[in-house]
Amino acid sequence: MSRVFAGLNSTDLKDVRDRAILMLLSIYGMRANEVAKLRLDDIDWERDQLRVHRAERREPQVYPLLPSLGEAMVDYLRGVRPVSSD
């Protein structure tokens, strides 16, 4: 997996997005549909927590937000994600 991350270019916008997605998949074991459904409200920046809505659970599963993932997500949100009111 480290070779996959090493092959990502930090200045390529698609790679910035892909780094955050790959971290969610590999570190947290999220499924593609769980990543797609992730919303900004699912990230608690003050408590460094990530809430994942799993299909088989009634309540979201809460994980610690690792600093490396937080940085990757901030890079995506500030540099890649289209401006939106959501």
PDB file of N, CA and C in Angstrom:
ATOM      1  N   MET A   1       0.810  -1.183   0.000  1.00  0.00           N
ATOM      2  CA  MET A   1       0.000   0.000   0.000  1.00  0.00           C
ATOM      3  C   MET A   1       0.865   1.262   0.000  1.00  0.00           C
ATOM      4  N   SER A   2       2.021   1.193   0.620  1.00  0.00           N
ATOM      5  CA  SER A   2       2.878   2.376   0.678  1.00  0.00           C
ATOM      6  C   SER A   2       3.337   2.801  -0.714  1.00  0.00           C
ATOM      7  N   ARG A   3       3.472   1.855  -1.636  1.00  0.00           N
ATOM      8  CA  ARG A   3       3.851   2.213  -3.007  1.00  0.00           C
ATOM      9  C   ARG A   3       2.737   2.969  -3.708  1.00  0.00           C
ATOM     10  N   VAL A   4       1.495   2.633  -3.382  1.00  0.00           N
ATOM     11  CA  VAL A   4       0.354   3.348  -3.963  1.00  0.00           C
ATOM     12  C   VAL A   4       0.406   4.806  -3.526  1.00  0.00           C
ATOM     13  N   PHE A   5       0.610   5.044  -2.232  1.00  0.00           N
ATOM     14  CA  PHE A   5       0.679   6.405  -1.720  1.00  0.00           C
ATOM     15  C   PHE A   5       1.902   7.137  -2.266  1.00  0.00           C
ATOM     16  N   ALA A   6       3.015   6.427  -2.395  1.00  0.00           N
ATOM     17  CA  ALA A   6       4.240   7.050  -2.906  1.00  0.00           C
ATOM     18  C   ALA A   6       4.068   7.505  -4.353  1.00  0.00           C
ATOM     19  N   GLY A   7       3.190   6.846  -5.096  1.00  0.00           N
ATOM     20  CA  GLY A   7       2.966   7.199  -6.490  1.00  0.00           C
ATOM     21  C   GLY A   7       2.054   8.391  -6.689  1.00  0.00           C
ATOM     22  N   LEU A   8       1.478   8.911  -5.614  1.00  0.00           N
ATOM     23  CA  LEU A   8       0.587  10.064  -5.721  1.00  0.00           C
ATOM     24  C   LEU A   8       1.393  11.351  -5.722  1.00  0.00           C
ATOM     25  N   ASN A   9       0.996  12.277  -6.573  1.00  0.00           N
ATOM     26  CA  ASN A   9       1.658  13.570  -6.701  1.00  0.00           C
ATOM     27  C   ASN A   9       0.900  14.590  -5.856  1.00  0.00           C
ATOM     28  N   SER A  10       1.588  15.251  -4.936  1.00  0.00           N
ATOM     29  CA  SER A  10       0.913  16.181  -4.029  1.00  0.00           C
ATOM     30  C   SER A  10       0.441  17.457  -4.712  1.00  0.00           C
ATOM     31  N   THR A  11       0.845  17.701  -5.952  1.00  0.00           N
ATOM     32  CA  THR A  11       0.396  18.903  -6.659  1.00  0.00           C
ATOM     33  C   THR A  11      -0.688  18.603  -7.691  1.00  0.00           C
ATOM     34  N   ASP A  12      -0.914  17.345  -7.977  1.00  0.00           N
ATOM     35  CA  ASP A  12      -1.969  16.951  -8.916  1.00  0.00           C
ATOM     36  C   ASP A  12      -3.296  16.916  -8.149  1.00  0.00           C
ATOM     37  N   LEU A  13      -4.273  17.701  -8.594  1.00  0.00           N
ATOM     38  CA  LEU A  13      -5.539  17.822  -7.873  1.00  0.00           C
ATOM     39  C   LEU A  13      -6.236  16.479  -7.685  1.00  0.00           C
ATOM     40  N   LYS A  14      -6.202  15.639  -8.701  1.00  0.00           N
ATOM     41  CA  LYS A  14      -6.833  14.322  -8.600  1.00  0.00           C
ATOM     42  C   LYS A  14      -6.132  13.471  -7.541  1.00  0.00           C
ATOM     43  N   ASP A  15      -4.834  13.576  -7.469  1.00  0.00           N
ATOM     44  CA  ASP A  15      -4.079  12.800  -6.486  1.00  0.00           C
ATOM     45  C   ASP A  15      -4.329  13.287  -5.062  1.00  0.00           C
ATOM     46  N   VAL A  16      -4.562  14.588  -4.891  1.00  0.00           N
ATOM     47  CA  VAL A  16      -4.889  15.115  -3.564  1.00  0.00           C
ATOM     48  C   VAL A  16      -6.192  14.486  -3.085  1.00  0.00           C
ATOM     49  N   ARG A  17      -7.183  14.449  -3.981  1.00  0.00           N
ATOM     50  CA  ARG A  17      -8.466  13.808  -3.657  1.00  0.00           C
ATOM     51  C   ARG A  17      -8.268  12.320  -3.390  1.00  0.00           C
ATOM     52  N   ASP A  18      -7.534  11.664  -4.260  1.00  0.00           N
ATOM     53  CA  ASP A  18      -7.342  10.218  -4.142  1.00  0.00           C
ATOM     54  C   ASP A  18      -6.615   9.830  -2.856  1.00  0.00           C
ATOM     55  N   ARG A  19      -5.680  10.660  -2.408  1.00  0.00           N
ATOM     56  CA  ARG A  19      -4.961  10.359  -1.160  1.00  0.00           C
ATOM     57  C   ARG A  19      -5.950  10.271   0.008  1.00  0.00           C
ATOM     58  N   ALA A  20      -6.852  11.245   0.116  1.00  0.00           N
ATOM     59  CA  ALA A  20      -7.837  11.232   1.202  1.00  0.00           C
ATOM     60  C   ALA A  20      -8.741  10.004   1.092  1.00  0.00           C
ATOM     61  N   ILE A  21      -9.183   9.692  -0.119  1.00  0.00           N
ATOM     62  CA  ILE A  21     -10.054   8.527  -0.322  1.00  0.00           C
ATOM     63  C   ILE A  21      -9.328   7.232   0.030  1.00  0.00           C
ATOM     64  N   LEU A  22      -8.101   7.082  -0.436  1.00  0.00           N
ATOM     65  CA  LEU A  22      -7.338   5.869  -0.153  1.00  0.00           C
ATOM     66  C   LEU A  22      -7.077   5.701   1.338  1.00  0.00           C
ATOM     67  N   MET A  23      -6.872   6.805   2.038  1.00  0.00           N
ATOM     68  CA  MET A  23      -6.669   6.718   3.487  1.00  0.00           C
ATOM     69  C   MET A  23      -7.941   6.245   4.174  1.00  0.00           C
ATOM     70  N   LEU A  24      -9.084   6.754   3.747  1.00  0.00           N
ATOM     71  CA  LEU A  24     -10.353   6.302   4.334  1.00  0.00           C
ATOM     72  C   LEU A  24     -10.571   4.817   4.074  1.00  0.00           C
ATOM     73  N   LEU A  25     -10.251   4.363   2.891  1.00  0.00           N
ATOM     74  CA  LEU A  25     -10.428   2.951   2.541  1.00  0.00           C
ATOM     75  C   LEU A  25      -9.459   2.055   3.304  1.00  0.00           C
ATOM     76  N   SER A  26      -8.192   2.445   3.341  1.00  0.00           N
ATOM     77  CA  SER A  26      -7.175   1.556   3.903  1.00  0.00           C
ATOM     78  C   SER A  26      -7.064   1.638   5.426  1.00  0.00           C
ATOM     79  N   ILE A  27      -7.170   2.814   5.994  1.00  0.00           N
ATOM     80  CA  ILE A  27      -6.990   2.962   7.442  1.00  0.00           C
ATOM     81  C   ILE A  27      -8.261   2.580   8.206  1.00  0.00           C
ATOM     82  N   TYR A  28      -9.399   3.056   7.712  1.00  0.00           N
ATOM     83  CA  TYR A  28     -10.655   2.847   8.431  1.00  0.00           C
ATOM     84  C   TYR A  28     -11.480   1.688   7.882  1.00  0.00           C
ATOM     85  N   GLY A  29     -11.032   1.088   6.804  1.00  0.00           N
ATOM     86  CA  GLY A  29     -11.752  -0.051   6.241  1.00  0.00           C
ATOM     87  C   GLY A  29     -13.116   0.330   5.685  1.00  0.00           C
ATOM     88  N   MET A  30     -13.238   1.580   5.273  1.00  0.00           N
ATOM     89  CA  MET A  30     -14.524   2.033   4.742  1.00  0.00           C
ATOM     90  C   MET A  30     -14.762   1.428   3.361  1.00  0.00           C
ATOM     91  N   ARG A  31     -16.013   1.237   3.045  1.00  0.00           N
ATOM     92  CA  ARG A  31     -16.411   0.787   1.711  1.00  0.00           C
ATOM     93  C   ARG A  31     -16.567   2.021   0.827  1.00  0.00           C
ATOM     94  N   ALA A  32     -16.529   1.803  -0.478  1.00  0.00           N
ATOM     95  CA  ALA A  32     -16.631   2.924  -1.422  1.00  0.00           C
ATOM     96  C   ALA A  32     -17.916   3.718  -1.214  1.00  0.00           C
ATOM     97  N   ASN A  33     -19.029   3.027  -0.963  1.00  0.00           N
ATOM     98  CA  ASN A  33     -20.290   3.752  -0.769  1.00  0.00           C
ATOM     99  C   ASN A  33     -20.284   4.547   0.536  1.00  0.00           C
ATOM    100  N   GLU A  34     -19.561   4.092   1.543  1.00  0.00           N
ATOM    101  CA  GLU A  34     -19.452   4.836   2.793  1.00  0.00           C
ATOM    102  C   GLU A  34     -18.627   6.110   2.602  1.00  0.00           C
ATOM    103  N   VAL A  35     -17.577   6.010   1.806  1.00  0.00           N
ATOM    104  CA  VAL A  35     -16.772   7.189   1.490  1.00  0.00           C
ATOM    105  C   VAL A  35     -17.617   8.186   0.701  1.00  0.00           C
ATOM    106  N   ALA A  36     -18.377   7.697  -0.256  1.00  0.00           N
ATOM    107  CA  ALA A  36     -19.213   8.569  -1.090  1.00  0.00           C
ATOM    108  C   ALA A  36     -20.282   9.283  -0.274  1.00  0.00           C
ATOM    109  N   LYS A  37     -20.757   8.648   0.785  1.00  0.00           N
ATOM    110  CA  LYS A  37     -21.818   9.236   1.616  1.00  0.00           C
ATOM    111  C   LYS A  37     -21.273  10.123   2.736  1.00  0.00           C
ATOM    112  N   LEU A  38     -19.964  10.165   2.895  1.00  0.00           N
ATOM    113  CA  LEU A  38     -19.354  10.958   3.960  1.00  0.00           C
ATOM    114  C   LEU A  38     -19.654  12.441   3.749  1.00  0.00           C
ATOM    115  N   ARG A  39     -20.040  13.115   4.816  1.00  0.00           N
ATOM    116  CA  ARG A  39     -20.382  14.542   4.788  1.00  0.00           C
ATOM    117  C   ARG A  39     -19.497  15.305   5.763  1.00  0.00           C
ATOM    118  N   LEU A  40     -19.382  16.587   5.554  1.00  0.00           N
ATOM    119  CA  LEU A  40     -18.571  17.413   6.448  1.00  0.00           C
ATOM    120  C   LEU A  40     -19.045  17.300   7.893  1.00  0.00           C
ATOM    121  N   ASP A  41     -20.338  17.134   8.081  1.00  0.00           N
ATOM    122  CA  ASP A  41     -20.888  16.981   9.433  1.00  0.00           C
ATOM    123  C   ASP A  41     -20.405  15.703  10.124  1.00  0.00           C
ATOM    124  N   ASP A  42     -19.878  14.764   9.365  1.00  0.00           N
ATOM    125  CA  ASP A  42     -19.381  13.516   9.935  1.00  0.00           C
ATOM    126  C   ASP A  42     -17.980  13.666  10.530  1.00  0.00           C
ATOM    127  N   ILE A  43     -17.378  14.818  10.329  1.00  0.00           N
ATOM    128  CA  ILE A  43     -16.040  15.076  10.859  1.00  0.00           C
ATOM    129  C   ILE A  43     -16.166  16.060  12.021  1.00  0.00           C
ATOM    130  N   ASP A  44     -15.751  15.617  13.181  1.00  0.00           N
ATOM    131  CA  ASP A  44     -15.751  16.481  14.360  1.00  0.00           C
ATOM    132  C   ASP A  44     -14.308  16.941  14.565  1.00  0.00           C
ATOM    133  N   TRP A  45     -14.012  18.116  14.021  1.00  0.00           N
ATOM    134  CA  TRP A  45     -12.649  18.639  14.053  1.00  0.00           C
ATOM    135  C   TRP A  45     -12.206  18.971  15.477  1.00  0.00           C
ATOM    136  N   GLU A  46     -13.127  19.398  16.319  1.00  0.00           N
ATOM    137  CA  GLU A  46     -12.768  19.777  17.685  1.00  0.00           C
ATOM    138  C   GLU A  46     -12.396  18.569  18.544  1.00  0.00           C
ATOM    139  N   ARG A  47     -13.067  17.451  18.318  1.00  0.00           N
ATOM    140  CA  ARG A  47     -12.789  16.236  19.094  1.00  0.00           C
ATOM    141  C   ARG A  47     -11.902  15.248  18.325  1.00  0.00           C
ATOM    142  N   ASP A  48     -11.509  15.630  17.095  1.00  0.00           N
ATOM    143  CA  ASP A  48     -10.701  14.745  16.243  1.00  0.00           C
ATOM    144  C   ASP A  48     -11.350  13.375  16.102  1.00  0.00           C
ATOM    145  N   GLN A  49     -12.616  13.404  15.654  1.00  0.00           N
ATOM    146  CA  GLN A  49     -13.366  12.164  15.467  1.00  0.00           C
ATOM    147  C   GLN A  49     -14.005  12.132  14.082  1.00  0.00           C
ATOM    148  N   LEU A  50     -14.171  10.932  13.586  1.00  0.00           N
ATOM    149  CA  LEU A  50     -14.813  10.684  12.303  1.00  0.00           C
ATOM    150  C   LEU A  50     -15.973   9.735  12.545  1.00  0.00           C
ATOM    151  N   ARG A  51     -17.171  10.131  12.110  1.00  0.00           N
ATOM    152  CA  ARG A  51     -18.354   9.274  12.253  1.00  0.00           C
ATOM    153  C   ARG A  51     -18.637   8.617  10.907  1.00  0.00           C
ATOM    154  N   VAL A  52     -18.712   7.297  10.935  1.00  0.00           N
ATOM    155  CA  VAL A  52     -18.975   6.524   9.719  1.00  0.00           C
ATOM    156  C   VAL A  52     -20.333   5.857   9.859  1.00  0.00           C
ATOM    157  N   HIS A  53     -21.191   6.102   8.894  1.00  0.00           N
ATOM    158  CA  HIS A  53     -22.532   5.494   8.886  1.00  0.00           C
ATOM    159  C   HIS A  53     -22.439   4.152   8.170  1.00  0.00           C
ATOM    160  N   ARG A  54     -22.437   3.097   8.950  1.00  0.00           N
ATOM    161  CA  ARG A  54     -22.332   1.739   8.422  1.00  0.00           C
ATOM    162  C   ARG A  54     -23.736   1.192   8.165  1.00  0.00           C
ATOM    163  N   ALA A  55     -23.885   0.489   7.077  1.00  0.00           N
ATOM    164  CA  ALA A  55     -25.195  -0.046   6.683  1.00  0.00           C
ATOM    165  C   ALA A  55     -25.748  -1.024   7.726  1.00  0.00           C
ATOM    166  N   GLU A  56     -24.882  -1.791   8.353  1.00  0.00           N
ATOM    167  CA  GLU A  56     -25.341  -2.822   9.283  1.00  0.00           C
ATOM    168  C   GLU A  56     -25.542  -2.310  10.708  1.00  0.00           C
ATOM    169  N   ARG A  57     -25.308  -1.019  10.953  1.00  0.00           N
ATOM    170  CA  ARG A  57     -25.460  -0.458  12.297  1.00  0.00           C
ATOM    171  C   ARG A  57     -26.525   0.626  12.297  1.00  0.00           C
ATOM    172  N   ARG A  58     -27.191   0.773  13.402  1.00  0.00           N
ATOM    173  CA  ARG A  58     -28.215   1.817  13.521  1.00  0.00           C
ATOM    174  C   ARG A  58     -27.595   3.176  13.832  1.00  0.00           C
ATOM    175  N   GLU A  59     -26.496   3.169  14.551  1.00  0.00           N
ATOM    176  CA  GLU A  59     -25.820   4.402  14.922  1.00  0.00           C
ATOM    177  C   GLU A  59     -24.465   4.474  14.223  1.00  0.00           C
ATOM    178  N   PRO A  60     -23.987   5.695  13.983  1.00  0.00           N
ATOM    179  CA  PRO A  60     -22.678   5.808  13.336  1.00  0.00           C
ATOM    180  C   PRO A  60     -21.568   5.242  14.206  1.00  0.00           C
ATOM    181  N   GLN A  61     -20.569   4.712  13.574  1.00  0.00           N
ATOM    182  CA  GLN A  61     -19.392   4.215  14.266  1.00  0.00           C
ATOM    183  C   GLN A  61     -18.401   5.376  14.345  1.00  0.00           C
ATOM    184  N   VAL A  62     -17.837   5.620  15.512  1.00  0.00           N
ATOM    185  CA  VAL A  62     -16.948   6.758  15.723  1.00  0.00           C
ATOM    186  C   VAL A  62     -15.499   6.265  15.793  1.00  0.00           C
ATOM    187  N   TYR A  63     -14.646   6.933  15.019  1.00  0.00           N
ATOM    188  CA  TYR A  63     -13.218   6.617  14.972  1.00  0.00           C
ATOM    189  C   TYR A  63     -12.409   7.858  15.321  1.00  0.00           C
ATOM    190  N   PRO A  64     -11.208   7.676  15.835  1.00  0.00           N
ATOM    191  CA  PRO A  64     -10.332   8.835  16.014  1.00  0.00           C
ATOM    192  C   PRO A  64      -9.905   9.341  14.633  1.00  0.00           C
ATOM    193  N   LEU A  65      -9.888  10.642  14.475  1.00  0.00           N
ATOM    194  CA  LEU A  65      -9.443  11.242  13.219  1.00  0.00           C
ATOM    195  C   LEU A  65      -7.931  11.400  13.297  1.00  0.00           C
ATOM    196  N   LEU A  66      -7.228  10.573  12.565  1.00  0.00           N
ATOM    197  CA  LEU A  66      -5.770  10.636  12.584  1.00  0.00           C
ATOM    198  C   LEU A  66      -5.290  11.949  11.969  1.00  0.00           C
ATOM    199  N   PRO A  67      -4.234  12.538  12.528  1.00  0.00           N
ATOM    200  CA  PRO A  67      -3.736  13.803  11.981  1.00  0.00           C
ATOM    201  C   PRO A  67      -3.420  13.733  10.489  1.00  0.00           C
ATOM    202  N   SER A  68      -2.854  12.626  10.032  1.00  0.00           N
ATOM    203  CA  SER A  68      -2.506  12.504   8.614  1.00  0.00           C
ATOM    204  C   SER A  68      -3.753  12.527   7.730  1.00  0.00           C
ATOM    205  N   LEU A  69      -4.824  11.898   8.179  1.00  0.00           N
ATOM    206  CA  LEU A  69      -6.069  11.935   7.412  1.00  0.00           C
ATOM    207  C   LEU A  69      -6.687  13.323   7.481  1.00  0.00           C
ATOM    208  N   GLY A  70      -6.653  13.948   8.667  1.00  0.00           N
ATOM    209  CA  GLY A  70      -7.174  15.304   8.800  1.00  0.00           C
ATOM    210  C   GLY A  70      -6.477  16.253   7.838  1.00  0.00           C
ATOM    211  N   GLU A  71      -5.161  16.146   7.737  1.00  0.00           N
ATOM    212  CA  GLU A  71      -4.396  16.991   6.812  1.00  0.00           C
ATOM    213  C   GLU A  71      -4.773  16.702   5.365  1.00  0.00           C
ATOM    214  N   ALA A  72      -4.914  15.432   5.025  1.00  0.00           N
ATOM    215  CA  ALA A  72      -5.286  15.068   3.650  1.00  0.00           C
ATOM    216  C   ALA A  72      -6.670  15.608   3.307  1.00  0.00           C
ATOM    217  N   MET A  73      -7.577  15.560   4.267  1.00  0.00           N
ATOM    218  CA  MET A  73      -8.933  16.054   4.012  1.00  0.00           C
ATOM    219  C   MET A  73      -8.948  17.583   3.896  1.00  0.00           C
ATOM    220  N   VAL A  74      -8.172  18.257   4.719  1.00  0.00           N
ATOM    221  CA  VAL A  74      -8.085  19.718   4.623  1.00  0.00           C
ATOM    222  C   VAL A  74      -7.480  20.115   3.280  1.00  0.00           C
ATOM    223  N   ASP A  75      -6.438  19.411   2.846  1.00  0.00           N
ATOM    224  CA  ASP A  75      -5.845  19.680   1.528  1.00  0.00           C
ATOM    225  C   ASP A  75      -6.887  19.550   0.429  1.00  0.00           C
ATOM    226  N   TYR A  76      -7.700  18.496   0.519  1.00  0.00           N
ATOM    227  CA  TYR A  76      -8.761  18.291  -0.483  1.00  0.00           C
ATOM    228  C   TYR A  76      -9.813  19.398  -0.399  1.00  0.00           C
ATOM    229  N   LEU A  77     -10.282  19.683   0.806  1.00  0.00           N
ATOM    230  CA  LEU A  77     -11.356  20.668   0.971  1.00  0.00           C
ATOM    231  C   LEU A  77     -10.929  22.066   0.545  1.00  0.00           C
ATOM    232  N   ARG A  78      -9.703  22.449   0.844  1.00  0.00           N
ATOM    233  CA  ARG A  78      -9.229  23.794   0.512  1.00  0.00           C
ATOM    234  C   ARG A  78      -8.738  23.930  -0.920  1.00  0.00           C
ATOM    235  N   GLY A  79      -8.181  22.855  -1.459  1.00  0.00           N
ATOM    236  CA  GLY A  79      -7.521  22.992  -2.757  1.00  0.00           C
ATOM    237  C   GLY A  79      -8.202  22.342  -3.937  1.00  0.00           C
ATOM    238  N   VAL A  80      -9.127  21.423  -3.686  1.00  0.00           N
ATOM    239  CA  VAL A  80      -9.680  20.632  -4.790  1.00  0.00           C
ATOM    240  C   VAL A  80     -11.192  20.716  -4.866  1.00  0.00           C
ATOM    241  N   ARG A  81     -11.846  20.545  -3.749  1.00  0.00           N
ATOM    242  CA  ARG A  81     -13.321  20.470  -3.740  1.00  0.00           C
ATOM    243  C   ARG A  81     -13.919  21.751  -4.288  1.00  0.00           C
ATOM    244  N   PRO A  82     -14.866  21.610  -5.202  1.00  0.00           N
ATOM    245  CA  PRO A  82     -15.540  22.802  -5.736  1.00  0.00           C
ATOM    246  C   PRO A  82     -16.253  23.563  -4.626  1.00  0.00           C
ATOM    247  N   VAL A  83     -16.281  24.866  -4.737  1.00  0.00           N
ATOM    248  CA  VAL A  83     -16.988  25.694  -3.764  1.00  0.00           C
ATOM    249  C   VAL A  83     -18.463  25.328  -3.788  1.00  0.00           C
ATOM    250  N   SER A  84     -19.016  25.145  -2.587  1.00  0.00           N
ATOM    251  CA  SER A  84     -20.399  24.712  -2.472  1.00  0.00           C
ATOM    252  C   SER A  84     -21.007  25.291  -1.213  1.00  0.00           C
ATOM    253  N   SER A  85     -22.315  25.434  -1.210  1.00  0.00           N
ATOM    254  CA  SER A  85     -22.989  25.897   0.005  1.00  0.00           C
ATOM    255  C   SER A  85     -23.175  24.754   0.993  1.00  0.00           C
ATOM    256  N   ASP A  86     -22.892  23.512   0.581  1.00  0.00           N
ATOM    257  CA  ASP A  86     -23.036  22.338   1.457  1.00  0.00           C
ATOM    258  C   ASP A  86     -21.780  22.119   2.268  1.00  0.00           C
TER     259      ASP A  86
END
